[in-house]
Amino acid sequence: MNKTQLAFPEEFRTRAIASLKRYVDDELEVKMSDLKAGLLLDYLTTELGPTIYNMAIADARGFFEERAADLDAACHRAEFTYWPRSR
């Protein structure tokens, strides 16, 4: 099985593990070791990370496509305006 794991900065990983441990303790009333919380973090990011990433890319693509569609209207400048129009 090919697993893709995100490489988090150490400070982030430490804080994420602490957060997972607190969540599991508060919500499930289960004490979790750093090792188990790290394994859960690895599982969640490997299993759910690609879907979350793809959703974020789709959102960004939609944002930029929407802005690009407005480029003509937002950036259009009238041409040949040096000479005033005669009536």
Protein backbone atom coordinates (compact mmCIF):
# COMPACT_ATOMS: atom_id res chain seq x y z
CA MET A 1 0.00 0.00 0.00
CA ASN A 2 1.36 3.45 -0.96
CA LYS A 3 0.89 5.94 1.88
CA THR A 4 1.53 9.62 1.43
CA GLN A 5 2.27 11.37 4.70
CA LEU A 6 2.50 15.10 5.14
CA ALA A 7 5.68 16.42 6.72
CA PHE A 8 4.63 18.93 9.35
CA PRO A 9 6.98 21.34 11.07
CA GLU A 10 7.89 19.95 14.50
CA GLU A 11 6.14 22.77 16.40
CA PHE A 12 2.91 22.16 14.48
CA ARG A 13 3.11 18.41 15.05
CA THR A 14 3.67 18.90 18.78
CA ARG A 15 0.70 21.26 19.05
CA ALA A 16 -1.52 19.01 16.91
CA ILE A 17 -0.71 15.99 19.09
CA ALA A 18 -1.50 17.97 22.24
CA SER A 19 -4.78 19.11 20.70
CA LEU A 20 -5.77 15.57 19.71
CA LYS A 21 -4.96 14.29 23.20
CA ARG A 22 -7.07 17.02 24.78
CA TYR A 23 -9.97 16.41 22.39
CA VAL A 24 -9.98 12.65 23.02
CA ASP A 25 -9.73 13.21 26.77
CA ASP A 26 -12.50 15.86 26.87
CA GLU A 27 -14.92 14.33 24.38
CA LEU A 28 -14.31 10.59 24.74
CA GLU A 29 -12.91 10.53 28.28
CA VAL A 30 -9.95 8.44 27.11
CA LYS A 31 -6.34 9.16 28.00
CA MET A 32 -4.06 8.93 24.98
CA SER A 33 -0.27 8.82 24.86
CA ASP A 34 1.79 11.05 22.60
CA LEU A 35 2.63 8.00 20.48
CA LYS A 36 -1.03 7.06 19.94
CA ALA A 37 -2.00 10.67 19.23
CA GLY A 38 0.86 10.90 16.71
CA LEU A 39 -0.31 7.73 15.01
CA LEU A 40 -3.87 9.10 14.89
CA LEU A 41 -2.57 12.36 13.40
CA ASP A 42 -0.64 10.40 10.77
CA TYR A 43 -3.71 8.32 9.94
CA LEU A 44 -6.03 11.33 9.67
CA THR A 45 -3.67 13.33 7.48
CA THR A 46 -2.94 10.32 5.25
CA GLU A 47 -6.57 9.28 4.93
CA LEU A 48 -8.38 12.64 4.91
CA GLY A 49 -5.61 15.02 3.84
CA PRO A 50 -5.91 14.42 0.08
CA THR A 51 -9.68 15.01 0.11
CA ILE A 52 -9.32 18.21 2.12
CA TYR A 53 -6.50 19.34 -0.18
CA ASN A 54 -8.55 18.64 -3.30
CA MET A 55 -11.50 20.57 -1.87
CA ALA A 56 -9.24 23.54 -1.10
CA ILE A 57 -7.82 23.48 -4.64
CA ALA A 58 -11.34 23.36 -6.09
CA ASP A 59 -12.33 26.35 -3.92
CA ALA A 60 -9.23 28.28 -5.02
CA ARG A 61 -9.86 27.41 -8.67
CA GLY A 62 -13.46 28.64 -8.39
CA PHE A 63 -12.28 31.85 -6.74
CA PHE A 64 -9.75 32.59 -9.48
CA GLU A 65 -12.09 31.59 -12.30
CA GLU A 66 -14.73 33.95 -10.91
CA ARG A 67 -12.20 36.77 -10.73
CA ALA A 68 -10.87 36.02 -14.22
CA ALA A 69 -14.40 36.15 -15.64
CA ASP A 70 -14.72 39.70 -14.28
CA LEU A 71 -11.39 40.87 -15.73
CA ASP A 72 -12.85 42.37 -18.89
CA ALA A 73 -15.44 44.39 -17.03
CA ALA A 74 -13.16 45.39 -14.16
CA CYS A 75 -10.10 46.26 -16.24
CA HIS A 76 -11.55 47.47 -19.54
CA ARG A 77 -10.44 50.93 -20.58
CA ALA A 78 -12.03 52.98 -23.32
CA GLU A 79 -9.87 53.31 -26.41
CA PHE A 80 -9.11 56.32 -28.61
CA THR A 81 -10.29 58.89 -26.07
CA TYR A 82 -7.77 61.61 -26.83
CA TRP A 83 -10.03 63.44 -29.24
CA PRO A 84 -13.38 64.41 -27.81
CA ARG A 85 -16.38 63.13 -29.67
CA SER A 86 -18.07 65.68 -31.79
CA ARG A 87 -21.78 65.99 -31.54
